[in-house]
N, C-alpha and C. Protein backbone atom coordinates (compact mmCIF):
# COMPACT_ATOMS: atom_id res chain seq x y z
N MET A 1 0.85 -1.17 0.00
CA MET A 1 0.00 0.00 0.00
C MET A 1 0.89 1.23 0.00
N ASN A 2 1.17 1.80 -1.17
CA ASN A 2 1.97 3.01 -1.29
C ASN A 2 1.05 4.22 -1.34
N ILE A 3 1.21 5.10 -0.38
CA ILE A 3 0.37 6.28 -0.29
C ILE A 3 1.27 7.49 -0.18
N ASP A 4 0.97 8.52 -0.97
CA ASP A 4 1.71 9.77 -0.88
C ASP A 4 1.08 10.59 0.24
N TYR A 5 1.70 10.56 1.40
CA TYR A 5 1.14 11.20 2.58
C TYR A 5 1.13 12.72 2.50
N SER A 6 1.88 13.30 1.56
CA SER A 6 1.89 14.75 1.43
C SER A 6 0.55 15.28 0.92
N LYS A 7 -0.25 14.41 0.28
CA LYS A 7 -1.53 14.83 -0.29
C LYS A 7 -2.72 14.65 0.66
N LEU A 8 -2.48 14.13 1.85
CA LEU A 8 -3.59 13.76 2.71
C LEU A 8 -4.42 14.93 3.22
N PHE A 9 -3.84 16.12 3.27
CA PHE A 9 -4.63 17.24 3.77
C PHE A 9 -5.24 18.06 2.64
N ASN A 10 -5.14 17.57 1.42
CA ASN A 10 -5.86 18.12 0.29
C ASN A 10 -7.18 17.35 0.22
N ARG A 11 -8.28 18.03 0.34
CA ARG A 11 -9.60 17.38 0.44
C ARG A 11 -9.87 16.39 -0.70
N GLU A 12 -9.66 16.82 -1.93
CA GLU A 12 -9.96 15.96 -3.07
C GLU A 12 -9.01 14.77 -3.16
N ALA A 13 -7.73 15.00 -2.84
CA ALA A 13 -6.76 13.90 -2.87
C ALA A 13 -7.08 12.86 -1.80
N LEU A 14 -7.43 13.34 -0.60
CA LEU A 14 -7.80 12.42 0.49
C LEU A 14 -9.05 11.64 0.13
N LYS A 15 -10.02 12.33 -0.45
CA LYS A 15 -11.25 11.66 -0.85
C LYS A 15 -10.97 10.59 -1.90
N GLY A 16 -10.07 10.87 -2.82
CA GLY A 16 -9.69 9.89 -3.84
C GLY A 16 -9.03 8.67 -3.24
N ILE A 17 -8.13 8.89 -2.28
CA ILE A 17 -7.44 7.78 -1.61
C ILE A 17 -8.44 6.94 -0.83
N LEU A 18 -9.32 7.60 -0.09
CA LEU A 18 -10.32 6.87 0.70
C LEU A 18 -11.27 6.08 -0.20
N THR A 19 -11.63 6.66 -1.34
CA THR A 19 -12.51 5.96 -2.29
C THR A 19 -11.82 4.72 -2.84
N LYS A 20 -10.52 4.85 -3.10
CA LYS A 20 -9.75 3.73 -3.63
C LYS A 20 -9.75 2.55 -2.67
N TYR A 21 -9.67 2.83 -1.37
CA TYR A 21 -9.62 1.78 -0.35
C TYR A 21 -10.94 1.62 0.39
N GLN A 22 -12.03 2.09 -0.21
CA GLN A 22 -13.34 2.11 0.45
C GLN A 22 -13.77 0.75 0.96
N LYS A 23 -13.65 -0.28 0.14
CA LYS A 23 -14.12 -1.60 0.56
C LYS A 23 -13.32 -2.14 1.74
N LYS A 24 -12.00 -1.94 1.70
CA LYS A 24 -11.16 -2.40 2.81
C LYS A 24 -11.47 -1.64 4.09
N ILE A 25 -11.65 -0.33 3.96
CA ILE A 25 -11.96 0.50 5.13
C ILE A 25 -13.31 0.09 5.72
N LEU A 26 -14.32 -0.12 4.85
CA LEU A 26 -15.64 -0.55 5.33
C LEU A 26 -15.54 -1.89 6.05
N LYS A 27 -14.76 -2.80 5.51
CA LYS A 27 -14.61 -4.11 6.14
C LYS A 27 -14.00 -3.97 7.54
N GLU A 28 -12.98 -3.15 7.67
CA GLU A 28 -12.33 -2.96 8.97
C GLU A 28 -13.25 -2.24 9.95
N ILE A 29 -13.95 -1.22 9.48
CA ILE A 29 -14.85 -0.47 10.37
C ILE A 29 -16.03 -1.34 10.78
N ASP A 30 -16.53 -2.16 9.86
CA ASP A 30 -17.64 -3.06 10.20
C ASP A 30 -17.22 -4.12 11.22
N SER A 31 -15.92 -4.41 11.28
CA SER A 31 -15.45 -5.41 12.25
C SER A 31 -15.49 -4.89 13.69
N VAL A 32 -15.60 -3.58 13.85
CA VAL A 32 -15.68 -2.99 15.18
C VAL A 32 -17.14 -2.69 15.49
N LYS A 33 -17.64 -3.27 16.54
CA LYS A 33 -19.05 -3.13 16.90
C LYS A 33 -19.41 -1.66 17.15
N ASP A 34 -20.47 -1.22 16.54
CA ASP A 34 -21.07 0.11 16.73
C ASP A 34 -20.24 1.28 16.22
N LEU A 35 -19.09 1.04 15.60
CA LEU A 35 -18.28 2.16 15.11
C LEU A 35 -18.96 2.84 13.93
N MET A 36 -19.52 2.05 13.01
CA MET A 36 -20.18 2.65 11.85
C MET A 36 -21.36 3.51 12.28
N ALA A 37 -22.14 3.03 13.23
CA ALA A 37 -23.28 3.82 13.73
C ALA A 37 -22.80 5.11 14.38
N LEU A 38 -21.70 5.01 15.10
CA LEU A 38 -21.14 6.18 15.75
C LEU A 38 -20.63 7.19 14.72
N LEU A 39 -20.00 6.71 13.67
CA LEU A 39 -19.52 7.61 12.62
C LEU A 39 -20.69 8.27 11.90
N MET A 40 -21.72 7.49 11.57
CA MET A 40 -22.86 8.03 10.83
C MET A 40 -23.70 8.97 11.67
N LYS A 41 -23.54 8.93 12.97
CA LYS A 41 -24.25 9.87 13.83
C LYS A 41 -23.83 11.30 13.50
N GLY A 42 -22.63 11.45 13.00
CA GLY A 42 -22.13 12.76 12.62
C GLY A 42 -22.85 13.38 11.45
N THR A 43 -23.56 12.58 10.66
CA THR A 43 -24.31 13.12 9.53
C THR A 43 -25.58 13.83 9.99
N GLN A 44 -26.08 13.47 11.16
CA GLN A 44 -27.31 14.08 11.67
C GLN A 44 -27.04 15.22 12.62
N GLY A 45 -25.85 15.32 13.07
CA GLY A 45 -25.48 16.37 14.02
C GLY A 45 -24.03 16.18 14.38
N GLY A 46 -23.64 16.77 15.47
CA GLY A 46 -22.25 16.64 15.88
C GLY A 46 -22.06 15.49 16.86
N TRP A 47 -20.82 15.28 17.20
CA TRP A 47 -20.47 14.26 18.19
C TRP A 47 -20.17 14.95 19.51
N THR A 48 -20.41 14.24 20.59
CA THR A 48 -20.01 14.75 21.89
C THR A 48 -18.52 14.47 22.08
N THR A 49 -17.93 15.05 23.10
CA THR A 49 -16.51 14.84 23.37
C THR A 49 -16.24 13.37 23.65
N GLY A 50 -17.12 12.72 24.38
CA GLY A 50 -16.97 11.30 24.68
C GLY A 50 -17.02 10.44 23.43
N GLU A 51 -17.90 10.78 22.49
CA GLU A 51 -18.01 10.03 21.25
C GLU A 51 -16.76 10.21 20.39
N LEU A 52 -16.23 11.43 20.35
CA LEU A 52 -14.99 11.66 19.61
C LEU A 52 -13.83 10.88 20.21
N LEU A 53 -13.82 10.75 21.53
CA LEU A 53 -12.78 9.97 22.19
C LEU A 53 -12.90 8.49 21.82
N LYS A 54 -14.15 7.98 21.76
CA LYS A 54 -14.36 6.58 21.35
C LYS A 54 -13.90 6.36 19.91
N ILE A 55 -14.24 7.30 19.04
CA ILE A 55 -13.85 7.20 17.63
C ILE A 55 -12.32 7.18 17.53
N LYS A 56 -11.69 8.08 18.27
CA LYS A 56 -10.23 8.17 18.24
C LYS A 56 -9.60 6.86 18.74
N THR A 57 -10.15 6.29 19.80
CA THR A 57 -9.64 5.03 20.35
C THR A 57 -9.76 3.91 19.32
N HIS A 58 -10.91 3.83 18.65
CA HIS A 58 -11.11 2.80 17.62
C HIS A 58 -10.15 3.01 16.45
N PHE A 59 -9.91 4.27 16.09
CA PHE A 59 -9.02 4.54 14.97
C PHE A 59 -7.57 4.22 15.31
N ILE A 60 -7.19 4.31 16.57
CA ILE A 60 -5.84 3.91 16.98
C ILE A 60 -5.65 2.42 16.71
N ILE A 61 -6.66 1.63 17.08
CA ILE A 61 -6.60 0.18 16.86
C ILE A 61 -6.64 -0.13 15.36
N LEU A 62 -7.56 0.50 14.63
CA LEU A 62 -7.69 0.25 13.19
C LEU A 62 -6.49 0.77 12.41
N GLY A 63 -5.85 1.80 12.92
CA GLY A 63 -4.69 2.37 12.24
C GLY A 63 -3.53 1.40 12.16
N LYS A 64 -3.48 0.45 13.07
CA LYS A 64 -2.42 -0.56 13.01
C LYS A 64 -2.64 -1.50 11.83
N LYS A 65 -3.89 -1.70 11.44
CA LYS A 65 -4.20 -2.55 10.29
C LYS A 65 -4.18 -1.76 8.99
N MET A 66 -4.66 -0.53 9.03
CA MET A 66 -4.74 0.32 7.84
C MET A 66 -4.14 1.69 8.16
N PRO A 67 -2.90 1.91 7.81
CA PRO A 67 -2.24 3.18 8.15
C PRO A 67 -2.93 4.42 7.60
N ILE A 68 -3.72 4.30 6.54
CA ILE A 68 -4.42 5.46 5.99
C ILE A 68 -5.35 6.09 7.03
N LEU A 69 -5.86 5.29 7.96
CA LEU A 69 -6.77 5.81 8.98
C LEU A 69 -6.05 6.63 10.05
N MET A 70 -4.73 6.54 10.09
CA MET A 70 -3.96 7.30 11.07
C MET A 70 -4.01 8.80 10.81
N VAL A 71 -4.34 9.20 9.59
CA VAL A 71 -4.42 10.63 9.28
C VAL A 71 -5.47 11.31 10.16
N PHE A 72 -6.47 10.55 10.60
CA PHE A 72 -7.53 11.12 11.44
C PHE A 72 -7.07 11.29 12.89
N LEU A 73 -5.92 10.73 13.22
CA LEU A 73 -5.38 10.85 14.57
C LEU A 73 -4.34 11.96 14.68
N LEU A 74 -3.91 12.49 13.55
CA LEU A 74 -2.96 13.60 13.57
C LEU A 74 -3.64 14.83 14.16
N PRO A 75 -2.86 15.78 14.67
CA PRO A 75 -3.49 17.01 15.18
C PRO A 75 -4.36 17.65 14.09
N GLY A 76 -5.60 17.88 14.40
CA GLY A 76 -6.56 18.44 13.45
C GLY A 76 -7.16 17.42 12.52
N GLY A 77 -6.82 16.17 12.68
CA GLY A 77 -7.30 15.11 11.79
C GLY A 77 -8.78 14.84 11.91
N LEU A 78 -9.34 15.08 13.09
CA LEU A 78 -10.78 14.82 13.26
C LEU A 78 -11.63 15.80 12.46
N ILE A 79 -11.02 16.89 12.04
CA ILE A 79 -11.74 17.84 11.18
C ILE A 79 -12.01 17.19 9.82
N LEU A 80 -11.16 16.24 9.44
CA LEU A 80 -11.30 15.54 8.16
C LEU A 80 -12.30 14.39 8.22
N LEU A 81 -12.81 14.09 9.40
CA LEU A 81 -13.74 12.97 9.57
C LEU A 81 -14.96 13.05 8.66
N PRO A 82 -15.55 14.22 8.41
CA PRO A 82 -16.69 14.27 7.47
C PRO A 82 -16.36 13.78 6.06
N ILE A 83 -15.09 13.89 5.65
CA ILE A 83 -14.71 13.37 4.33
C ILE A 83 -14.81 11.85 4.33
N LEU A 84 -14.35 11.22 5.41
CA LEU A 84 -14.45 9.77 5.52
C LEU A 84 -15.91 9.34 5.52
N ILE A 85 -16.73 10.05 6.24
CA ILE A 85 -18.16 9.71 6.31
C ILE A 85 -18.81 9.86 4.94
N GLU A 86 -18.42 10.89 4.21
CA GLU A 86 -18.97 11.10 2.86
C GLU A 86 -18.61 9.94 1.95
N VAL A 87 -17.40 9.42 2.07
CA VAL A 87 -16.97 8.30 1.23
C VAL A 87 -17.66 7.01 1.65
N LEU A 88 -17.86 6.81 2.96
CA LEU A 88 -18.42 5.56 3.46
C LEU A 88 -19.95 5.52 3.50
N ASP A 89 -20.60 6.65 3.31
CA ASP A 89 -22.05 6.72 3.44
C ASP A 89 -22.72 5.83 2.40
N ARG A 90 -23.42 4.81 2.87
CA ARG A 90 -24.06 3.83 1.99
C ARG A 90 -25.40 4.32 1.44
N ARG A 91 -25.94 5.37 2.03
CA ARG A 91 -27.24 5.85 1.57
C ARG A 91 -27.13 6.51 0.21
N LYS A 92 -26.00 7.14 -0.08
CA LYS A 92 -25.84 7.85 -1.34
C LYS A 92 -25.45 6.93 -2.48
N LYS A 93 -24.73 5.87 -2.18
CA LYS A 93 -24.21 4.98 -3.22
C LYS A 93 -24.68 3.57 -2.94
N LYS A 94 -24.59 2.75 -3.95
CA LYS A 94 -24.92 1.34 -3.75
C LYS A 94 -23.63 0.62 -3.38
N VAL A 95 -23.39 0.52 -2.07
CA VAL A 95 -22.22 -0.18 -1.56
C VAL A 95 -22.73 -1.43 -0.88
N SER A 96 -22.05 -2.53 -1.11
CA SER A 96 -22.52 -3.78 -0.54
C SER A 96 -22.48 -3.74 0.98
N VAL A 97 -23.52 -4.26 1.57
CA VAL A 97 -23.65 -4.35 3.02
C VAL A 97 -23.38 -5.80 3.39
N PRO A 98 -22.58 -6.05 4.44
CA PRO A 98 -22.31 -7.43 4.83
C PRO A 98 -23.61 -8.21 5.08
N GLU A 99 -23.60 -9.49 4.74
CA GLU A 99 -24.79 -10.34 4.81
C GLU A 99 -25.42 -10.35 6.20
N ASP A 100 -24.61 -10.43 7.26
CA ASP A 100 -25.17 -10.48 8.61
C ASP A 100 -25.90 -9.20 8.96
N ARG A 101 -25.44 -8.05 8.48
CA ARG A 101 -26.14 -6.80 8.74
C ARG A 101 -27.41 -6.70 7.93
N ARG A 102 -27.39 -7.26 6.72
CA ARG A 102 -28.58 -7.26 5.87
C ARG A 102 -29.70 -8.03 6.54
N GLU A 103 -29.37 -9.19 7.10
CA GLU A 103 -30.37 -10.03 7.74
C GLU A 103 -30.95 -9.34 8.97
N SER A 104 -30.09 -8.71 9.78
CA SER A 104 -30.60 -8.06 10.99
C SER A 104 -31.49 -6.87 10.66
N SER A 105 -31.17 -6.14 9.57
CA SER A 105 -32.00 -5.00 9.20
C SER A 105 -33.35 -5.46 8.66
N LYS A 106 -33.38 -6.59 7.94
CA LYS A 106 -34.65 -7.12 7.45
C LYS A 106 -35.55 -7.52 8.60
N LYS A 107 -34.95 -8.12 9.63
CA LYS A 107 -35.73 -8.54 10.80
C LYS A 107 -36.32 -7.33 11.52
N SER A 108 -35.51 -6.28 11.67
CA SER A 108 -35.99 -5.11 12.40
C SER A 108 -37.07 -4.36 11.61
N ARG A 109 -37.01 -4.40 10.27
CA ARG A 109 -38.04 -3.74 9.47
C ARG A 109 -39.37 -4.47 9.55
N GLY A 110 -39.33 -5.77 9.74
CA GLY A 110 -40.55 -6.57 9.75
C GLY A 110 -41.30 -6.52 11.06
N LYS A 111 -40.73 -5.89 12.07
CA LYS A 111 -41.40 -5.83 13.37
C LYS A 111 -42.60 -4.89 13.31
N THR A 112 -43.66 -5.32 13.91
CA THR A 112 -44.82 -4.46 14.02
C THR A 112 -45.16 -4.32 15.50
N PHE A 113 -45.67 -3.19 15.83
CA PHE A 113 -45.99 -2.93 17.21
C PHE A 113 -47.50 -2.79 17.35
N ASN A 114 -48.03 -3.40 18.37
CA ASN A 114 -49.47 -3.29 18.63
C ASN A 114 -49.77 -1.97 19.28
N LYS A 115 -50.80 -1.35 18.82
CA LYS A 115 -51.20 -0.06 19.40
C LYS A 115 -51.91 -0.32 20.71
N VAL A 116 -51.57 0.49 21.69
CA VAL A 116 -52.23 0.39 22.99
C VAL A 116 -53.40 1.35 22.99
N LYS A 117 -54.58 0.83 23.34
CA LYS A 117 -55.77 1.70 23.34
C LYS A 117 -56.08 2.16 24.72
């Protein structure tokens, strides 16, 4: 994995690199329980300080497997987090969802609740 790290703080260059490794990044992030949900929470609003600390902790662990994720741990790197979310957002693009997540979402959609009178 050869990456020109001098381009990482250029928005378009970073987005291109993240898009190139999108499937690998999704696989690694999906391997961490609740990290994807925590990241996507940023699309609806901001994160609390505690949530940013959790994200940073997860990225330290994931950075050992994928060095490209270490850019988010550099000083000011969390400012770039919306770029990662934009690349990983499955609602905008047709990105494959792991089979186990597909099954759990189908089950949750099929639930019906009885109205209390």
